[in-house]
């Protein structure tokens, strides 16, 4: 249950909000015109927005966020020194 809450309430970006808006607009238009096919298309967009998935449901196109670790020496303004062992 915690994972579902986290997926619903985190990582909202522009494309996810656009999917939600398109889904809601299509749902309202489908109800207004009594067109059930429009409702099916709207459920597709709403599902994508709420679960944060794309067209490929397994998220095989997903790229993880890069988290940079800060080195205390580098963050203080000094350069980090890389040492290389030389064997003769």
PDB file of N, CA and C in Angstrom:
ATOM      1  N   UNK A   1       0.825  -1.200   0.000  1.00  0.00           N
ATOM      2  CA  UNK A   1       0.000   0.000   0.000  1.00  0.00           C
ATOM      3  C   UNK A   1       0.862   1.255   0.000  1.00  0.00           C
ATOM      4  N   UNK A   2       2.005   1.166   0.676  1.00  0.00           N
ATOM      5  CA  UNK A   2       2.914   2.306   0.741  1.00  0.00           C
ATOM      6  C   UNK A   2       3.497   2.629  -0.632  1.00  0.00           C
ATOM      7  N   UNK A   3       3.789   1.592  -1.416  1.00  0.00           N
ATOM      8  CA  UNK A   3       4.358   1.805  -2.748  1.00  0.00           C
ATOM      9  C   UNK A   3       3.357   2.496  -3.667  1.00  0.00           C
ATOM     10  N   UNK A   4       2.078   2.150  -3.519  1.00  0.00           N
ATOM     11  CA  UNK A   4       1.046   2.787  -4.343  1.00  0.00           C
ATOM     12  C   UNK A   4       0.930   4.261  -3.989  1.00  0.00           C
ATOM     13  N   UNK A   5       0.945   4.570  -2.693  1.00  0.00           N
ATOM     14  CA  UNK A   5       0.892   5.975  -2.265  1.00  0.00           C
ATOM     15  C   UNK A   5       2.084   6.747  -2.793  1.00  0.00           C
ATOM     16  N   UNK A   6       3.266   6.146  -2.697  1.00  0.00           N
ATOM     17  CA  UNK A   6       4.471   6.827  -3.161  1.00  0.00           C
ATOM     18  C   UNK A   6       4.405   7.074  -4.660  1.00  0.00           C
ATOM     19  N   UNK A   7       3.916   6.099  -5.419  1.00  0.00           N
ATOM     20  CA  UNK A   7       3.830   6.258  -6.873  1.00  0.00           C
ATOM     21  C   UNK A   7       2.824   7.330  -7.261  1.00  0.00           C
ATOM     22  N   UNK A   8       1.724   7.431  -6.504  1.00  0.00           N
ATOM     23  CA  UNK A   8       0.692   8.415  -6.823  1.00  0.00           C
ATOM     24  C   UNK A   8       1.108   9.844  -6.493  1.00  0.00           C
ATOM     25  N   UNK A   9       1.833  10.031  -5.407  1.00  0.00           N
ATOM     26  CA  UNK A   9       2.082  11.382  -4.911  1.00  0.00           C
ATOM     27  C   UNK A   9       3.477  11.920  -5.172  1.00  0.00           C
ATOM     28  N   UNK A  10       4.356  11.178  -5.834  1.00  0.00           N
ATOM     29  CA  UNK A  10       5.703  11.678  -6.090  1.00  0.00           C
ATOM     30  C   UNK A  10       5.996  11.700  -7.586  1.00  0.00           C
ATOM     31  N   UNK A  11       7.026  12.438  -7.929  1.00  0.00           N
ATOM     32  CA  UNK A  11       7.570  12.507  -9.293  1.00  0.00           C
ATOM     33  C   UNK A  11       6.558  13.004 -10.320  1.00  0.00           C
ATOM     34  N   UNK A  12       5.862  14.093  -9.999  1.00  0.00           N
ATOM     35  CA  UNK A  12       4.947  14.702 -10.959  1.00  0.00           C
ATOM     36  C   UNK A  12       5.741  15.671 -11.827  1.00  0.00           C
ATOM     37  N   UNK A  13       5.732  15.446 -13.127  1.00  0.00           N
ATOM     38  CA  UNK A  13       6.421  16.302 -14.078  1.00  0.00           C
ATOM     39  C   UNK A  13       5.430  16.745 -15.146  1.00  0.00           C
ATOM     40  N   UNK A  14       5.894  17.541 -16.073  1.00  0.00           N
ATOM     41  CA  UNK A  14       5.013  18.164 -17.066  1.00  0.00           C
ATOM     42  C   UNK A  14       4.256  17.134 -17.899  1.00  0.00           C
ATOM     43  N   UNK A  15       4.929  16.113 -18.372  1.00  0.00           N
ATOM     44  CA  UNK A  15       4.274  15.124 -19.225  1.00  0.00           C
ATOM     45  C   UNK A  15       3.210  14.358 -18.445  1.00  0.00           C
ATOM     46  N   UNK A  16       3.486  14.059 -17.189  1.00  0.00           N
ATOM     47  CA  UNK A  16       2.493  13.347 -16.370  1.00  0.00           C
ATOM     48  C   UNK A  16       1.259  14.216 -16.135  1.00  0.00           C
ATOM     49  N   UNK A  17       1.468  15.509 -15.901  1.00  0.00           N
ATOM     50  CA  UNK A  17       0.329  16.418 -15.726  1.00  0.00           C
ATOM     51  C   UNK A  17      -0.461  16.570 -17.023  1.00  0.00           C
ATOM     52  N   UNK A  18       0.246  16.570 -18.160  1.00  0.00           N
ATOM     53  CA  UNK A  18      -0.444  16.663 -19.449  1.00  0.00           C
ATOM     54  C   UNK A  18      -1.295  15.423 -19.690  1.00  0.00           C
ATOM     55  N   UNK A  19      -0.783  14.246 -19.347  1.00  0.00           N
ATOM     56  CA  UNK A  19      -1.575  13.024 -19.494  1.00  0.00           C
ATOM     57  C   UNK A  19      -2.833  13.077 -18.629  1.00  0.00           C
ATOM     58  N   UNK A  20      -2.678  13.585 -17.414  1.00  0.00           N
ATOM     59  CA  UNK A  20      -3.835  13.703 -16.532  1.00  0.00           C
ATOM     60  C   UNK A  20      -4.857  14.674 -17.114  1.00  0.00           C
ATOM     61  N   UNK A  21      -4.396  15.806 -17.617  1.00  0.00           N
ATOM     62  CA  UNK A  21      -5.302  16.790 -18.216  1.00  0.00           C
ATOM     63  C   UNK A  21      -6.006  16.257 -19.443  1.00  0.00           C
ATOM     64  N   UNK A  22      -5.260  15.573 -20.312  1.00  0.00           N
ATOM     65  CA  UNK A  22      -5.865  14.991 -21.516  1.00  0.00           C
ATOM     66  C   UNK A  22      -6.884  13.931 -21.136  1.00  0.00           C
ATOM     67  N   UNK A  23      -6.549  13.113 -20.150  1.00  0.00           N
ATOM     68  CA  UNK A  23      -7.471  12.071 -19.714  1.00  0.00           C
ATOM     69  C   UNK A  23      -8.755  12.638 -19.147  1.00  0.00           C
ATOM     70  N   UNK A  24      -8.642  13.683 -18.342  1.00  0.00           N
ATOM     71  CA  UNK A  24      -9.837  14.298 -17.759  1.00  0.00           C
ATOM     72  C   UNK A  24     -10.680  14.964 -18.835  1.00  0.00           C
ATOM     73  N   UNK A  25     -10.031  15.686 -19.771  1.00  0.00           N
ATOM     74  CA  UNK A  25     -10.782  16.333 -20.854  1.00  0.00           C
ATOM     75  C   UNK A  25     -11.495  15.317 -21.727  1.00  0.00           C
ATOM     76  N   UNK A  26     -10.819  14.212 -22.046  1.00  0.00           N
ATOM     77  CA  UNK A  26     -11.451  13.189 -22.870  1.00  0.00           C
ATOM     78  C   UNK A  26     -12.594  12.498 -22.126  1.00  0.00           C
ATOM     79  N   UNK A  27     -12.443  12.308 -20.819  1.00  0.00           N
ATOM     80  CA  UNK A  27     -13.508  11.697 -20.033  1.00  0.00           C
ATOM     81  C   UNK A  27     -14.748  12.585 -19.999  1.00  0.00           C
ATOM     82  N   UNK A  28     -14.541  13.882 -19.795  1.00  0.00           N
ATOM     83  CA  UNK A  28     -15.669  14.822 -19.780  1.00  0.00           C
ATOM     84  C   UNK A  28     -16.330  14.873 -21.150  1.00  0.00           C
ATOM     85  N   UNK A  29     -15.512  14.893 -22.217  1.00  0.00           N
ATOM     86  CA  UNK A  29     -16.079  14.925 -23.570  1.00  0.00           C
ATOM     87  C   UNK A  29     -16.839  13.635 -23.867  1.00  0.00           C
ATOM     88  N   UNK A  30     -16.329  12.505 -23.401  1.00  0.00           N
ATOM     89  CA  UNK A  30     -17.016  11.239 -23.628  1.00  0.00           C
ATOM     90  C   UNK A  30     -18.334  11.158 -22.893  1.00  0.00           C
ATOM     91  N   UNK A  31     -18.353  11.668 -21.653  1.00  0.00           N
ATOM     92  CA  UNK A  31     -19.608  11.673 -20.894  1.00  0.00           C
ATOM     93  C   UNK A  31     -20.607  12.641 -21.531  1.00  0.00           C
ATOM     94  N   UNK A  32     -20.114  13.790 -21.960  1.00  0.00           N
ATOM     95  CA  UNK A  32     -20.996  14.797 -22.555  1.00  0.00           C
ATOM     96  C   UNK A  32     -21.620  14.298 -23.859  1.00  0.00           C
ATOM     97  N   UNK A  33     -20.816  13.620 -24.685  1.00  0.00           N
ATOM     98  CA  UNK A  33     -21.327  13.145 -25.971  1.00  0.00           C
ATOM     99  C   UNK A  33     -21.857  11.710 -25.904  1.00  0.00           C
ATOM    100  N   UNK A  34     -21.810  11.107 -24.729  1.00  0.00           N
ATOM    101  CA  UNK A  34     -22.271   9.726 -24.505  1.00  0.00           C
ATOM    102  C   UNK A  34     -21.568   8.753 -25.446  1.00  0.00           C
ATOM    103  N   UNK A  35     -20.257   8.927 -25.550  1.00  0.00           N
ATOM    104  CA  UNK A  35     -19.428   8.103 -26.428  1.00  0.00           C
ATOM    105  C   UNK A  35     -18.526   7.229 -25.556  1.00  0.00           C
ATOM    106  N   UNK A  36     -18.746   5.920 -25.557  1.00  0.00           N
ATOM    107  CA  UNK A  36     -17.985   5.055 -24.668  1.00  0.00           C
ATOM    108  C   UNK A  36     -16.566   4.817 -25.159  1.00  0.00           C
ATOM    109  N   UNK A  37     -16.312   4.967 -26.478  1.00  0.00           N
ATOM    110  CA  UNK A  37     -14.945   4.797 -26.972  1.00  0.00           C
ATOM    111  C   UNK A  37     -14.040   5.918 -26.476  1.00  0.00           C
ATOM    112  N   UNK A  38     -14.589   7.115 -26.367  1.00  0.00           N
ATOM    113  CA  UNK A  38     -13.816   8.228 -25.817  1.00  0.00           C
ATOM    114  C   UNK A  38     -13.468   7.950 -24.356  1.00  0.00           C
ATOM    115  N   UNK A  39     -14.381   7.311 -23.644  1.00  0.00           N
ATOM    116  CA  UNK A  39     -14.122   6.933 -22.256  1.00  0.00           C
ATOM    117  C   UNK A  39     -13.006   5.918 -22.144  1.00  0.00           C
ATOM    118  N   UNK A  40     -12.928   4.981 -23.099  1.00  0.00           N
ATOM    119  CA  UNK A  40     -11.832   4.012 -23.089  1.00  0.00           C
ATOM    120  C   UNK A  40     -10.489   4.685 -23.341  1.00  0.00           C
ATOM    121  N   UNK A  41     -10.442   5.602 -24.292  1.00  0.00           N
ATOM    122  CA  UNK A  41      -9.205   6.325 -24.554  1.00  0.00           C
ATOM    123  C   UNK A  41      -8.808   7.188 -23.358  1.00  0.00           C
ATOM    124  N   UNK A  42      -9.792   7.775 -22.707  1.00  0.00           N
ATOM    125  CA  UNK A  42      -9.476   8.600 -21.535  1.00  0.00           C
ATOM    126  C   UNK A  42      -8.953   7.741 -20.397  1.00  0.00           C
ATOM    127  N   UNK A  43      -9.472   6.532 -20.237  1.00  0.00           N
ATOM    128  CA  UNK A  43      -8.970   5.665 -19.169  1.00  0.00           C
ATOM    129  C   UNK A  43      -7.515   5.283 -19.409  1.00  0.00           C
ATOM    130  N   UNK A  44      -7.114   5.159 -20.682  1.00  0.00           N
ATOM    131  CA  UNK A  44      -5.721   4.882 -21.010  1.00  0.00           C
ATOM    132  C   UNK A  44      -4.814   6.018 -20.523  1.00  0.00           C
ATOM    133  N   UNK A  45      -5.174   7.255 -20.817  1.00  0.00           N
ATOM    134  CA  UNK A  45      -4.371   8.396 -20.383  1.00  0.00           C
ATOM    135  C   UNK A  45      -4.404   8.573 -18.866  1.00  0.00           C
ATOM    136  N   UNK A  46      -5.549   8.351 -18.258  1.00  0.00           N
ATOM    137  CA  UNK A  46      -5.643   8.467 -16.804  1.00  0.00           C
ATOM    138  C   UNK A  46      -4.798   7.403 -16.114  1.00  0.00           C
ATOM    139  N   UNK A  47      -4.802   6.189 -16.641  1.00  0.00           N
ATOM    140  CA  UNK A  47      -3.975   5.127 -16.079  1.00  0.00           C
ATOM    141  C   UNK A  47      -2.493   5.491 -16.161  1.00  0.00           C
ATOM    142  N   UNK A  48      -2.075   6.016 -17.308  1.00  0.00           N
ATOM    143  CA  UNK A  48      -0.674   6.416 -17.475  1.00  0.00           C
ATOM    144  C   UNK A  48      -0.301   7.514 -16.494  1.00  0.00           C
ATOM    145  N   UNK A  49      -1.190   8.474 -16.291  1.00  0.00           N
ATOM    146  CA  UNK A  49      -0.883   9.590 -15.401  1.00  0.00           C
ATOM    147  C   UNK A  49      -0.823   9.136 -13.954  1.00  0.00           C
ATOM    148  N   UNK A  50      -1.760   8.307 -13.529  1.00  0.00           N
ATOM    149  CA  UNK A  50      -1.811   7.916 -12.127  1.00  0.00           C
ATOM    150  C   UNK A  50      -0.711   6.932 -11.747  1.00  0.00           C
ATOM    151  N   UNK A  51      -0.326   6.058 -12.653  1.00  0.00           N
ATOM    152  CA  UNK A  51       0.699   5.069 -12.326  1.00  0.00           C
ATOM    153  C   UNK A  51       2.088   5.487 -12.782  1.00  0.00           C
ATOM    154  N   UNK A  52       2.212   6.620 -13.457  1.00  0.00           N
ATOM    155  CA  UNK A  52       3.483   7.143 -13.958  1.00  0.00           C
ATOM    156  C   UNK A  52       4.162   6.135 -14.881  1.00  0.00           C
ATOM    157  N   UNK A  53       3.398   5.563 -15.795  1.00  0.00           N
ATOM    158  CA  UNK A  53       3.949   4.664 -16.795  1.00  0.00           C
ATOM    159  C   UNK A  53       3.820   5.305 -18.161  1.00  0.00           C
ATOM    160  N   UNK A  54       4.604   4.820 -19.078  1.00  0.00           N
ATOM    161  CA  UNK A  54       4.525   5.311 -20.436  1.00  0.00           C
ATOM    162  C   UNK A  54       3.794   4.322 -21.314  1.00  0.00           C
ATOM    163  N   UNK A  55       4.062   4.379 -22.589  1.00  0.00           N
ATOM    164  CA  UNK A  55       3.396   3.447 -23.509  1.00  0.00           C
ATOM    165  C   UNK A  55       3.856   2.022 -23.275  1.00  0.00           C
ATOM    166  N   UNK A  56       5.105   1.847 -22.906  1.00  0.00           N
ATOM    167  CA  UNK A  56       5.570   0.495 -22.579  1.00  0.00           C
ATOM    168  C   UNK A  56       5.370   0.300 -21.075  1.00  0.00           C
ATOM    169  N   UNK A  57       4.465  -0.566 -20.705  1.00  0.00           N
ATOM    170  CA  UNK A  57       4.047  -0.731 -19.316  1.00  0.00           C
ATOM    171  C   UNK A  57       5.124  -1.269 -18.406  1.00  0.00           C
ATOM    172  N   UNK A  58       6.117  -1.958 -18.954  1.00  0.00           N
ATOM    173  CA  UNK A  58       7.167  -2.520 -18.111  1.00  0.00           C
ATOM    174  C   UNK A  58       8.262  -1.502 -17.816  1.00  0.00           C
ATOM    175  N   UNK A  59       8.129  -0.325 -18.318  1.00  0.00           N
ATOM    176  CA  UNK A  59       9.094   0.766 -18.168  1.00  0.00           C
ATOM    177  C   UNK A  59      10.477   0.352 -18.660  1.00  0.00           C
ATOM    178  N   UNK A  60      10.522  -0.347 -19.793  1.00  0.00           N
ATOM    179  CA  UNK A  60      11.809  -0.740 -20.345  1.00  0.00           C
ATOM    180  C   UNK A  60      12.551   0.466 -20.923  1.00  0.00           C
ATOM    181  N   UNK A  61      11.850   1.568 -21.135  1.00  0.00           N
ATOM    182  CA  UNK A  61      12.475   2.793 -21.626  1.00  0.00           C
ATOM    183  C   UNK A  61      12.923   3.683 -20.475  1.00  0.00           C
ATOM    184  N   UNK A  62      12.706   3.238 -19.254  1.00  0.00           N
ATOM    185  CA  UNK A  62      12.980   4.040 -18.067  1.00  0.00           C
ATOM    186  C   UNK A  62      14.477   4.206 -17.856  1.00  0.00           C
ATOM    187  N   UNK A  63      14.907   5.421 -17.573  1.00  0.00           N
ATOM    188  CA  UNK A  63      16.299   5.673 -17.202  1.00  0.00           C
ATOM    189  C   UNK A  63      16.317   6.198 -15.776  1.00  0.00           C
ATOM    190  N   UNK A  64      17.103   5.595 -14.909  1.00  0.00           N
ATOM    191  CA  UNK A  64      17.111   6.022 -13.514  1.00  0.00           C
ATOM    192  C   UNK A  64      17.752   7.392 -13.348  1.00  0.00           C
ATOM    193  N   UNK A  65      17.345   8.082 -12.298  1.00  0.00           N
ATOM    194  CA  UNK A  65      17.921   9.382 -12.005  1.00  0.00           C
ATOM    195  C   UNK A  65      19.352   9.221 -11.520  1.00  0.00           C
ATOM    196  N   UNK A  66      20.223  10.124 -11.943  1.00  0.00           N
ATOM    197  CA  UNK A  66      21.613  10.080 -11.530  1.00  0.00           C
ATOM    198  C   UNK A  66      21.754  10.900 -10.258  1.00  0.00           C
ATOM    199  N   UNK A  67      22.267  10.255  -9.225  1.00  0.00           N
ATOM    200  CA  UNK A  67      22.483  10.936  -7.957  1.00  0.00           C
ATOM    201  C   UNK A  67      23.977  11.156  -7.809  1.00  0.00           C
ATOM    202  N   UNK A  68      24.373  12.410  -7.739  1.00  0.00           N
ATOM    203  CA  UNK A  68      25.788  12.735  -7.612  1.00  0.00           C
ATOM    204  C   UNK A  68      26.168  12.776  -6.146  1.00  0.00           C
ATOM    205  N   UNK A  69      27.224  12.059  -5.831  1.00  0.00           N
ATOM    206  CA  UNK A  69      27.748  12.093  -4.473  1.00  0.00           C
ATOM    207  C   UNK A  69      28.757  13.231  -4.396  1.00  0.00           C
ATOM    208  N   UNK A  70      28.623  14.035  -3.388  1.00  0.00           N
ATOM    209  CA  UNK A  70      29.544  15.154  -3.250  1.00  0.00           C
ATOM    210  C   UNK A  70      30.695  14.750  -2.347  1.00  0.00           C
ATOM    211  N   UNK A  71      31.879  15.028  -2.809  1.00  0.00           N
ATOM    212  CA  UNK A  71      33.088  14.766  -2.035  1.00  0.00           C
ATOM    213  C   UNK A  71      33.359  16.008  -1.199  1.00  0.00           C
ATOM    214  N   UNK A  72      33.562  15.884   0.120  1.00  0.00           N
ATOM    215  CA  UNK A  72      33.755  17.072   0.946  1.00  0.00           C
ATOM    216  C   UNK A  72      34.960  17.906   0.526  1.00  0.00           C
ATOM    217  N   UNK A  73      35.982  17.260  -0.046  1.00  0.00           N
ATOM    218  CA  UNK A  73      37.163  18.017  -0.470  1.00  0.00           C
ATOM    219  C   UNK A  73      36.831  18.829  -1.712  1.00  0.00           C
ATOM    220  N   UNK A  74      36.124  18.223  -2.645  1.00  0.00           N
ATOM    221  CA  UNK A  74      35.777  18.911  -3.887  1.00  0.00           C
ATOM    222  C   UNK A  74      34.783  20.029  -3.619  1.00  0.00           C
ATOM    223  N   UNK A  75      33.830  19.817  -2.715  1.00  0.00           N
ATOM    224  CA  UNK A  75      32.823  20.830  -2.460  1.00  0.00           C
ATOM    225  C   UNK A  75      33.385  22.041  -1.728  1.00  0.00           C
ATOM    226  N   UNK A  76      34.544  21.905  -1.096  1.00  0.00           N
ATOM    227  CA  UNK A  76      35.126  23.044  -0.399  1.00  0.00           C
ATOM    228  C   UNK A  76      35.932  23.939  -1.334  1.00  0.00           C
ATOM    229  N   UNK A  77      36.028  23.568  -2.606  1.00  0.00           N
ATOM    230  CA  UNK A  77      36.722  24.410  -3.569  1.00  0.00           C
ATOM    231  C   UNK A  77      38.043  23.823  -4.020  1.00  0.00           C
ATOM    232  N   UNK A  78      38.549  22.804  -3.344  1.00  0.00           N
ATOM    233  CA  UNK A  78      39.804  22.178  -3.740  1.00  0.00           C
ATOM    234  C   UNK A  78      39.524  21.082  -4.748  1.00  0.00           C
ATOM    235  N   UNK A  79      40.516  20.764  -5.539  1.00  0.00           N
ATOM    236  CA  UNK A  79      40.356  19.717  -6.531  1.00  0.00           C
ATOM    237  C   UNK A  79      40.687  18.365  -5.918  1.00  0.00           C
ATOM    238  N   UNK A  80      39.955  17.351  -6.319  1.00  0.00           N
ATOM    239  CA  UNK A  80      40.254  15.994  -5.873  1.00  0.00           C
ATOM    240  C   UNK A  80      41.412  15.449  -6.693  1.00  0.00           C
ATOM    241  N   UNK A  81      42.298  14.726  -6.059  1.00  0.00           N
ATOM    242  CA  UNK A  81      43.471  14.183  -6.723  1.00  0.00           C
ATOM    243  C   UNK A  81      43.269  12.690  -6.892  1.00  0.00           C
ATOM    244  N   UNK A  82      43.424  12.222  -8.122  1.00  0.00           N
ATOM    245  CA  UNK A  82      43.352  10.795  -8.396  1.00  0.00           C
ATOM    246  C   UNK A  82      44.772  10.255  -8.475  1.00  0.00           C
ATOM    247  N   UNK A  83      45.043   9.195  -7.748  1.00  0.00           N
ATOM    248  CA  UNK A  83      46.360   8.586  -7.746  1.00  0.00           C
ATOM    249  C   UNK A  83      46.329   7.321  -8.570  1.00  0.00           C
ATOM    250  N   UNK A  84      47.418   7.100  -9.295  1.00  0.00           N
ATOM    251  CA  UNK A  84      47.536   5.919 -10.121  1.00  0.00           C
ATOM    252  C   UNK A  84      48.826   5.219  -9.759  1.00  0.00           C
ATOM    253  N   UNK A  85      48.768   3.910  -9.507  1.00  0.00           N
ATOM    254  CA  UNK A  85      49.954   3.167  -9.104  1.00  0.00           C
ATOM    255  C   UNK A  85      50.717   2.772 -10.372  1.00  0.00           C
ATOM    256  N   UNK A  86      52.008   3.037 -10.352  1.00  0.00           N
ATOM    257  CA  UNK A  86      52.867   2.711 -11.494  1.00  0.00           C
ATOM    258  C   UNK A  86      53.823   1.614 -11.049  1.00  0.00           C
ATOM    259  N   UNK A  87      53.800   0.485 -11.758  1.00  0.00           N
ATOM    260  CA  UNK A  87      54.700  -0.630 -11.442  1.00  0.00           C
ATOM    261  C   UNK A  87      55.738  -0.744 -12.545  1.00  0.00           C
ATOM    262  N   UNK A  88      56.978  -0.973 -12.138  1.00  0.00           N
ATOM    263  CA  UNK A  88      58.058  -1.127 -13.111  1.00  0.00           C
ATOM    264  C   UNK A  88      58.460  -2.555 -13.277  1.00  0.00           C
TER     265      UNK A  88
END
